[in-house]
N, C-alpha and C. Protein backbone atom coordinates (compact mmCIF):
# COMPACT_ATOMS: atom_id res chain seq x y z
N UNK A 1 -24.56 -14.37 12.37
CA UNK A 1 -23.67 -13.16 13.26
C UNK A 1 -22.63 -12.93 12.88
N UNK A 2 -22.75 -11.76 13.30
CA UNK A 2 -21.71 -10.63 12.54
C UNK A 2 -20.31 -10.55 13.48
N UNK A 3 -19.27 -10.65 12.53
CA UNK A 3 -17.64 -10.23 13.49
C UNK A 3 -17.62 -8.56 13.22
N UNK A 4 -18.05 -8.16 12.82
CA UNK A 4 -17.86 -6.96 13.13
C UNK A 4 -17.64 -6.30 13.89
N UNK A 5 -16.44 -5.52 13.73
CA UNK A 5 -15.62 -4.67 14.85
C UNK A 5 -15.90 -3.53 14.52
N UNK A 6 -16.44 -2.40 15.50
CA UNK A 6 -16.59 -0.54 15.44
C UNK A 6 -15.46 -0.37 16.29
N UNK A 7 -15.65 1.28 15.82
CA UNK A 7 -14.63 2.30 16.56
C UNK A 7 -13.65 1.95 17.81
N UNK A 8 -14.87 1.80 18.46
CA UNK A 8 -13.80 1.49 19.99
C UNK A 8 -13.90 -0.14 20.49
N UNK A 9 -13.67 -0.75 19.29
CA UNK A 9 -13.46 -2.29 18.91
C UNK A 9 -11.62 -2.23 19.24
N UNK A 10 -11.26 -1.42 18.35
CA UNK A 10 -9.81 -1.19 17.61
C UNK A 10 -8.77 -0.63 18.36
N UNK A 11 -7.34 -0.83 18.65
CA UNK A 11 -6.91 -0.15 19.62
C UNK A 11 -5.61 -0.21 18.55
N UNK A 12 -4.66 0.51 18.85
CA UNK A 12 -3.20 0.82 17.90
C UNK A 12 -2.11 -0.01 18.39
N UNK A 13 -1.63 -0.82 17.31
CA UNK A 13 -0.77 -1.79 17.01
C UNK A 13 -0.98 -2.81 16.47
N UNK A 14 -2.87 -3.12 17.04
CA UNK A 14 -3.53 -4.51 16.93
C UNK A 14 -3.30 -4.91 15.76
N UNK A 15 -3.18 -6.42 14.57
CA UNK A 15 -3.31 -6.64 13.66
C UNK A 15 -3.73 -8.00 13.62
N UNK A 16 -4.03 -7.78 12.12
CA UNK A 16 -4.93 -9.02 11.41
C UNK A 16 -4.54 -9.53 10.57
N UNK A 17 -4.37 -10.53 10.09
CA UNK A 17 -4.26 -11.36 9.26
C UNK A 17 -5.36 -12.51 8.16
N UNK A 18 -5.39 -12.08 6.45
CA UNK A 18 -6.53 -12.74 6.18
C UNK A 18 -5.94 -14.33 5.98
N UNK A 19 -6.87 -15.23 5.12
CA UNK A 19 -6.11 -16.57 4.38
C UNK A 19 -5.70 -15.85 2.99
N UNK A 20 -5.20 -17.13 2.51
CA UNK A 20 -4.53 -16.61 1.45
C UNK A 20 -5.57 -17.03 -0.11
N UNK A 21 -4.85 -15.81 -0.92
CA UNK A 21 -5.19 -16.07 -2.35
C UNK A 21 -4.54 -16.05 -3.38
N UNK A 22 -4.57 -17.63 -3.75
CA UNK A 22 -3.81 -17.72 -5.24
C UNK A 22 -4.07 -17.06 -6.63
N UNK A 23 -3.33 -16.48 -6.99
CA UNK A 23 -3.65 -15.73 -8.29
C UNK A 23 -3.56 -16.32 -9.63
N UNK A 24 -4.55 -16.20 -10.21
CA UNK A 24 -4.80 -16.92 -11.71
C UNK A 24 -4.37 -16.30 -12.54
N UNK A 25 -4.46 -17.31 -13.76
CA UNK A 25 -4.11 -16.68 -14.88
C UNK A 25 -5.39 -15.82 -15.37
N UNK A 26 -6.99 -16.75 -15.01
CA UNK A 26 -7.64 -15.77 -15.50
C UNK A 26 -7.57 -14.21 -14.58
N UNK A 27 -7.24 -14.70 -13.61
CA UNK A 27 -7.12 -13.12 -12.85
C UNK A 27 -6.69 -11.98 -13.66
N UNK A 28 -5.22 -12.35 -14.26
CA UNK A 28 -4.53 -11.33 -14.65
C UNK A 28 -5.08 -11.53 -16.24
N UNK A 29 -5.51 -12.23 -16.86
CA UNK A 29 -6.42 -11.75 -17.94
C UNK A 29 -7.42 -10.86 -17.92
N UNK A 30 -8.30 -11.19 -16.77
CA UNK A 30 -9.87 -10.49 -17.03
C UNK A 30 -9.26 -9.07 -16.06
N UNK A 31 -8.05 -8.72 -15.46
CA UNK A 31 -7.94 -7.34 -15.04
C UNK A 31 -7.02 -6.63 -16.19
N UNK A 32 -6.78 -7.59 -17.17
CA UNK A 32 -6.26 -6.72 -18.29
C UNK A 32 -6.99 -6.48 -18.83
N UNK A 33 -8.42 -7.24 -19.02
CA UNK A 33 -9.29 -6.52 -20.22
C UNK A 33 -10.18 -5.49 -19.54
N UNK A 34 -10.36 -5.68 -17.94
CA UNK A 34 -11.44 -4.45 -17.50
C UNK A 34 -10.27 -3.70 -16.98
N UNK A 35 -9.39 -3.29 -17.23
CA UNK A 35 -8.23 -2.36 -17.13
C UNK A 35 -8.19 -1.48 -18.48
N UNK A 36 -7.50 -2.20 -19.34
CA UNK A 36 -7.40 -2.40 -20.68
C UNK A 36 -5.85 -1.94 -20.88
N UNK A 37 -5.45 -2.41 -19.74
CA UNK A 37 -4.08 -2.58 -19.26
C UNK A 37 -2.88 -3.64 -20.29
N UNK A 38 -2.77 -3.85 -21.83
CA UNK A 38 -2.09 -5.26 -22.13
C UNK A 38 -0.81 -4.52 -22.51
N UNK A 39 -0.26 -4.24 -21.57
CA UNK A 39 1.15 -3.47 -21.19
C UNK A 39 2.33 -5.02 -21.70
N UNK A 40 2.82 -5.51 -22.31
CA UNK A 40 3.57 -6.97 -22.75
C UNK A 40 4.28 -7.72 -21.72
N UNK A 41 4.62 -6.93 -20.62
CA UNK A 41 5.09 -7.19 -19.21
C UNK A 41 3.69 -8.05 -18.60
N UNK A 42 2.61 -7.48 -18.98
CA UNK A 42 1.75 -8.23 -18.36
C UNK A 42 1.15 -9.31 -19.49
N UNK A 43 1.10 -8.96 -20.65
CA UNK A 43 -0.15 -9.81 -21.54
C UNK A 43 0.98 -10.64 -22.50
N UNK A 44 2.17 -10.38 -22.80
CA UNK A 44 3.21 -11.32 -23.80
C UNK A 44 3.98 -12.31 -22.66
N UNK A 45 3.96 -13.38 -23.18
CA UNK A 45 5.04 -14.29 -22.45
C UNK A 45 5.99 -14.30 -23.35
N UNK A 46 6.57 -14.23 -24.30
CA UNK A 46 7.31 -14.32 -25.03
C UNK A 46 8.33 -12.70 -24.52
N UNK A 47 7.77 -11.79 -24.59
CA UNK A 47 8.19 -10.74 -23.99
C UNK A 47 8.90 -10.74 -23.06
N UNK A 48 8.16 -11.16 -21.85
CA UNK A 48 8.68 -11.20 -20.67
C UNK A 48 9.05 -11.87 -20.11
N UNK A 49 9.31 -13.52 -21.44
CA UNK A 49 10.26 -14.00 -20.52
C UNK A 49 11.75 -13.42 -21.05
N UNK A 50 11.78 -12.50 -22.04
CA UNK A 50 13.45 -11.73 -22.16
C UNK A 50 13.39 -11.03 -20.89
N UNK A 51 12.81 -10.69 -19.82
CA UNK A 51 13.07 -9.77 -18.53
C UNK A 51 13.55 -10.01 -17.88
N UNK A 52 14.32 -9.24 -16.84
CA UNK A 52 14.70 -9.79 -15.71
C UNK A 52 13.82 -10.89 -15.04
N UNK A 53 12.81 -10.94 -14.95
CA UNK A 53 12.03 -11.58 -13.85
C UNK A 53 11.17 -13.56 -14.74
N UNK A 54 12.06 -12.90 -16.06
CA UNK A 54 11.70 -14.24 -16.79
C UNK A 54 10.21 -14.56 -17.04
N UNK A 55 9.36 -13.98 -16.58
CA UNK A 55 7.99 -14.41 -16.99
C UNK A 55 6.87 -13.29 -16.88
N UNK A 56 5.61 -13.09 -16.92
CA UNK A 56 4.81 -11.64 -16.96
C UNK A 56 4.81 -11.86 -15.20
N UNK A 57 3.98 -10.30 -15.29
CA UNK A 57 4.07 -9.69 -13.92
C UNK A 57 2.31 -9.39 -13.69
N UNK A 58 2.31 -9.84 -13.06
CA UNK A 58 0.71 -9.17 -12.49
C UNK A 58 0.70 -7.81 -12.16
N UNK A 59 -0.09 -7.30 -12.25
CA UNK A 59 -0.88 -5.29 -12.23
C UNK A 59 -0.32 -5.46 -11.18
N UNK A 60 -0.08 -3.76 -10.67
CA UNK A 60 0.23 -3.76 -9.62
C UNK A 60 -1.10 -3.15 -8.73
N UNK A 61 -1.79 -2.54 -9.49
CA UNK A 61 -2.98 -2.10 -9.44
C UNK A 61 -4.27 -3.49 -8.91
N UNK A 62 -3.49 -4.75 -9.47
CA UNK A 62 -4.86 -5.95 -9.38
C UNK A 62 -4.20 -6.41 -7.93
N UNK A 63 -3.14 -6.20 -7.28
CA UNK A 63 -2.50 -6.76 -6.13
C UNK A 63 -3.26 -5.67 -5.23
N UNK A 64 -3.58 -4.21 -5.27
CA UNK A 64 -4.41 -3.73 -4.38
C UNK A 64 -5.77 -4.18 -4.75
N UNK A 65 -6.71 -4.41 -5.59
CA UNK A 65 -7.64 -4.81 -5.66
C UNK A 65 -7.88 -6.03 -4.62
N UNK A 66 -6.76 -6.96 -4.81
CA UNK A 66 -6.87 -8.32 -4.32
C UNK A 66 -6.87 -7.95 -2.75
N UNK A 67 -5.30 -6.78 -2.62
CA UNK A 67 -5.62 -6.49 -0.88
C UNK A 67 -7.23 -6.19 -0.43
N UNK A 68 -7.51 -5.54 -1.24
CA UNK A 68 -8.90 -4.75 -0.58
C UNK A 68 -10.49 -6.09 -0.37
N UNK A 69 -10.17 -7.33 -1.19
CA UNK A 69 -10.86 -8.07 -1.11
C UNK A 69 -10.75 -9.05 -0.17
N UNK A 70 -8.84 -9.33 0.14
CA UNK A 70 -8.88 -10.10 1.32
C UNK A 70 -9.32 -9.12 2.72
N UNK A 71 -9.09 -8.03 2.85
CA UNK A 71 -9.92 -7.24 3.89
C UNK A 71 -11.34 -7.90 4.28
N UNK A 72 -12.10 -7.42 3.04
CA UNK A 72 -13.17 -7.83 2.84
C UNK A 72 -13.88 -9.27 3.45
N UNK A 73 -12.72 -10.40 3.26
CA UNK A 73 -12.73 -11.67 3.98
C UNK A 73 -12.88 -11.70 5.51
N UNK A 74 -11.87 -10.63 6.00
CA UNK A 74 -11.84 -10.66 7.51
C UNK A 74 -12.85 -10.44 8.17
N UNK A 75 -13.89 -9.91 7.33
CA UNK A 75 -15.54 -9.57 7.76
C UNK A 75 -15.30 -8.97 9.51
N UNK A 76 -13.81 -8.39 9.32
CA UNK A 76 -14.56 -7.06 10.66
C UNK A 76 -14.66 -6.02 10.45
N UNK A 77 -15.02 -5.36 9.10
CA UNK A 77 -15.71 -3.88 8.81
C UNK A 77 -17.16 -4.50 7.94
N UNK A 78 -17.63 -5.66 8.01
CA UNK A 78 -18.84 -5.85 7.32
C UNK A 78 -20.12 -4.80 7.56
N UNK A 79 -20.41 -4.53 9.07
CA UNK A 79 -21.50 -3.68 9.37
C UNK A 79 -21.00 -2.90 9.98
N UNK A 80 -19.59 -2.08 10.00
CA UNK A 80 -18.98 -0.87 10.26
C UNK A 80 -18.29 0.03 9.06
N UNK A 81 -17.72 -0.62 8.12
CA UNK A 81 -17.11 0.30 6.94
C UNK A 81 -18.44 1.33 6.72
N UNK A 82 -17.97 2.93 6.78
CA UNK A 82 -18.75 3.47 5.93
C UNK A 82 -17.89 4.23 4.93
N UNK A 83 -16.63 4.51 4.74
CA UNK A 83 -15.85 4.52 3.25
C UNK A 83 -14.50 4.39 3.48
N UNK A 84 -13.54 4.36 2.58
CA UNK A 84 -12.29 3.94 2.65
C UNK A 84 -12.12 5.48 1.98
N UNK A 85 -11.11 6.44 2.79
CA UNK A 85 -10.86 7.99 2.74
C UNK A 85 -9.48 7.94 1.83
N UNK A 86 -8.33 6.93 1.65
CA UNK A 86 -7.63 7.18 1.05
C UNK A 86 -6.38 5.94 0.95
N UNK A 87 -5.89 5.98 -0.22
CA UNK A 87 -4.58 5.05 -0.28
C UNK A 87 -3.36 5.49 -0.37
N UNK A 88 -2.69 5.49 0.56
CA UNK A 88 -1.29 6.64 0.90
C UNK A 88 0.03 5.13 0.78
N UNK A 89 1.22 6.27 0.42
CA UNK A 89 2.35 5.82 0.46
C UNK A 89 2.57 4.29 0.50
N UNK A 90 2.24 4.20 -1.10
CA UNK A 90 1.91 2.58 -1.31
C UNK A 90 3.07 2.18 -2.34
N UNK A 91 3.94 1.10 -1.70
CA UNK A 91 4.68 0.54 -2.41
C UNK A 91 4.60 -0.32 -3.40
N UNK A 92 4.99 -0.64 -4.23
CA UNK A 92 5.25 -2.27 -5.09
C UNK A 92 6.77 -2.90 -4.88
N UNK A 93 6.51 -3.10 -3.53
CA UNK A 93 8.32 -3.77 -3.20
C UNK A 93 8.58 -4.88 -3.71
N UNK A 94 7.87 -5.56 -4.55
CA UNK A 94 8.40 -6.74 -5.38
C UNK A 94 7.06 -6.72 -6.62
N UNK A 95 7.74 -8.11 -7.12
CA UNK A 95 6.52 -8.58 -8.37
C UNK A 95 5.95 -10.06 -7.69
N UNK A 96 4.27 -9.28 -8.09
CA UNK A 96 3.12 -10.69 -7.91
C UNK A 96 3.28 -11.19 -9.50
N UNK A 97 3.48 -12.59 -8.75
CA UNK A 97 3.33 -13.50 -10.16
C UNK A 97 1.91 -14.37 -10.55
N UNK A 98 1.42 -14.83 -11.37
CA UNK A 98 0.69 -15.89 -11.69
C UNK A 98 0.95 -17.21 -10.82
N UNK A 99 0.25 -17.35 -9.76
CA UNK A 99 0.63 -18.60 -8.99
C UNK A 99 1.16 -18.42 -7.68
N UNK A 100 1.28 -17.38 -7.43
CA UNK A 100 1.80 -16.52 -5.92
C UNK A 100 0.32 -17.01 -5.32
N UNK A 101 0.77 -16.71 -3.97
CA UNK A 101 -0.74 -16.82 -2.92
C UNK A 101 -0.65 -15.86 -2.29
N UNK A 102 -1.19 -14.86 -2.38
CA UNK A 102 -1.57 -13.70 -1.48
C UNK A 102 -2.07 -13.44 0.02
N UNK A 103 -1.54 -12.79 1.12
CA UNK A 103 -2.66 -12.80 1.98
C UNK A 103 -2.45 -11.75 2.62
N UNK A 104 -3.10 -11.08 3.22
CA UNK A 104 -3.25 -9.25 3.77
C UNK A 104 -2.84 -9.37 5.48
N UNK A 105 -1.88 -8.52 5.48
CA UNK A 105 -1.73 -8.36 7.31
C UNK A 105 -2.41 -6.96 7.49
N UNK A 106 -3.24 -6.52 8.20
CA UNK A 106 -3.83 -5.42 8.33
C UNK A 106 -3.28 -5.00 9.79
N UNK A 107 -2.88 -3.62 9.81
CA UNK A 107 -2.00 -2.99 11.18
C UNK A 107 -2.89 -1.79 11.65
N UNK A 108 -3.15 -1.83 12.84
CA UNK A 108 -3.92 -0.22 13.24
C UNK A 108 -2.95 0.52 13.78
N UNK A 109 -3.14 1.58 13.33
CA UNK A 109 -1.71 2.61 13.00
C UNK A 109 -2.45 4.03 13.94
N UNK A 110 -3.53 4.21 13.98
CA UNK A 110 -3.95 5.44 14.40
C UNK A 110 -5.07 5.19 14.72
N UNK A 111 -5.69 5.76 15.49
CA UNK A 111 -7.52 5.82 15.96
C UNK A 111 -7.99 7.78 16.52
N UNK A 112 -8.87 8.06 15.04
CA UNK A 112 -9.28 9.47 15.48
C UNK A 112 -10.31 9.59 15.57
N UNK A 113 -10.72 9.79 16.59
CA UNK A 113 -12.54 9.31 17.12
C UNK A 113 -13.43 10.93 16.58
N UNK A 114 -12.14 12.24 16.57
CA UNK A 114 -12.90 13.07 15.85
C UNK A 114 -13.74 13.66 16.69
N UNK A 115 -15.30 14.45 15.68
CA UNK A 115 -16.15 15.28 16.58
C UNK A 115 -17.25 14.58 16.15
N UNK A 116 -17.55 13.53 14.85
CA UNK A 116 -18.65 13.06 14.98
C UNK A 116 -19.25 12.07 15.95
N UNK A 117 -20.39 11.70 16.24
CA UNK A 117 -20.81 10.95 17.51
C UNK A 117 -21.01 9.71 16.67
N UNK A 118 -21.05 9.24 14.89
CA UNK A 118 -21.31 8.36 14.73
C UNK A 118 -19.97 7.61 13.94
N UNK A 119 -19.23 8.69 13.80
CA UNK A 119 -18.25 8.01 13.15
C UNK A 119 -16.69 8.45 13.39
N UNK A 120 -15.51 7.42 13.20
CA UNK A 120 -14.17 7.69 13.52
C UNK A 120 -13.39 7.33 12.59
N UNK A 121 -12.17 7.88 12.62
CA UNK A 121 -11.30 7.28 11.37
C UNK A 121 -10.15 6.75 12.09
N UNK A 122 -9.85 5.65 11.70
CA UNK A 122 -9.22 4.33 11.34
C UNK A 122 -8.03 4.74 10.83
N UNK A 123 -6.72 4.39 11.17
CA UNK A 123 -5.46 4.59 10.21
C UNK A 123 -4.98 3.19 9.96
N UNK A 124 -4.82 2.57 8.78
CA UNK A 124 -4.75 1.07 8.87
C UNK A 124 -3.24 0.91 7.90
N UNK A 125 -2.92 0.12 8.37
CA UNK A 125 -1.35 -0.18 7.15
C UNK A 125 -1.86 -1.51 6.50
N UNK A 126 -1.71 -1.38 5.27
CA UNK A 126 -2.15 -3.10 4.52
C UNK A 126 -0.56 -3.24 4.12
N UNK A 127 0.04 -4.65 4.14
CA UNK A 127 1.03 -5.26 4.15
C UNK A 127 0.19 -6.98 3.60
N UNK A 128 1.01 -6.57 2.02
CA UNK A 128 0.22 -7.89 1.26
C UNK A 128 1.63 -9.30 1.05
N UNK A 129 1.73 -9.96 1.83
CA UNK A 129 2.69 -11.08 1.49
C UNK A 129 2.45 -12.23 0.70
N UNK A 130 3.73 -12.63 0.19
CA UNK A 130 3.32 -13.85 -1.03
C UNK A 130 3.43 -14.78 0.16
N UNK A 131 3.15 -16.46 -0.64
CA UNK A 131 3.59 -17.28 -0.14
C UNK A 131 4.62 -17.25 0.74
N UNK A 132 5.89 -16.75 0.31
CA UNK A 132 7.02 -16.88 1.02
C UNK A 132 7.53 -15.99 1.70
N UNK A 133 5.99 -15.48 2.50
CA UNK A 133 6.24 -14.20 3.73
C UNK A 133 7.48 -13.40 2.98
N UNK A 134 7.31 -13.02 1.96
CA UNK A 134 7.91 -11.83 1.23
C UNK A 134 6.85 -10.81 1.04
N UNK A 135 7.39 -9.13 1.53
CA UNK A 135 6.53 -8.40 1.25
C UNK A 135 6.58 -7.82 0.04
N UNK A 136 5.12 -8.19 -0.67
CA UNK A 136 5.07 -7.57 -2.46
C UNK A 136 4.52 -6.09 -2.47
N UNK A 137 3.57 -5.89 -1.31
CA UNK A 137 3.15 -4.54 -1.62
C UNK A 137 3.02 -4.02 0.02
N UNK A 138 2.84 -2.50 0.10
CA UNK A 138 2.62 -2.10 1.35
C UNK A 138 2.48 -0.74 1.09
N UNK A 139 0.68 -0.12 2.01
CA UNK A 139 0.47 1.36 1.69
C UNK A 139 -0.49 1.43 3.52
N UNK A 140 -0.87 2.40 3.15
CA UNK A 140 -1.76 3.05 4.18
C UNK A 140 -2.92 2.73 3.32
N UNK A 141 -4.02 3.18 4.32
CA UNK A 141 -5.51 2.74 3.86
C UNK A 141 -6.31 3.57 4.84
N UNK A 142 -6.45 4.79 4.97
CA UNK A 142 -7.55 5.17 6.60
C UNK A 142 -9.07 5.04 5.79
N UNK A 143 -9.72 4.68 6.64
CA UNK A 143 -11.06 4.71 6.62
C UNK A 143 -12.22 5.27 7.63
N UNK A 144 -13.44 5.51 7.32
CA UNK A 144 -14.31 5.94 8.32
C UNK A 144 -15.35 5.04 8.74
N UNK A 145 -15.08 4.85 9.73
CA UNK A 145 -16.08 3.39 10.69
C UNK A 145 -16.84 3.74 11.30
N UNK A 146 -17.80 2.89 11.98
CA UNK A 146 -18.34 3.39 13.02
C UNK A 146 -18.47 3.65 14.34
N UNK A 147 -18.98 3.70 14.52
CA UNK A 147 -19.07 3.74 16.68
C UNK A 147 -20.18 2.95 16.64
N UNK A 148 -19.93 2.35 17.99
CA UNK A 148 -20.62 1.38 18.41
C UNK A 148 -21.99 1.81 18.96
N UNK A 149 -23.23 1.31 18.45
CA UNK A 149 -24.73 1.62 18.54
C UNK A 149 -25.25 2.74 17.78
N UNK A 150 -24.41 2.92 16.64
CA UNK A 150 -25.03 4.10 15.60
C UNK A 150 -25.36 3.09 14.53
N UNK A 151 -26.23 3.69 13.47
CA UNK A 151 -26.91 3.87 11.91
C UNK A 151 -25.86 4.22 11.12
């Protein structure tokens, strides 16, 4: 049974929260390999230990990737998502470290039915929180979403 929600199921001000996901050493290493970003703040423990954070930082882009994975885990877009349209006003508010447990709070900001009978635009805010309920990343991501009863 699908938990998918469609355009008509959303309301401005609605909020959803994912479960947690702990960032691992492997996540950091694999993302460095995938992205090619071996900046010492991510990859060199000795270098990073001499910075104000005294440890390596997780790539900001990995935080975004984890947020989209947490979004998928909500299950509400499984059968209804058409396309992510944008990432806007993204802020890297606080560092993410190996061992942090992140979760996503998704807030519905806008509903635009548009002219299409098939899809509408959903304005969303992503708030990425750590285990201390501190915001670590925050931004908007609009998407096209199916209207109920369409293919």
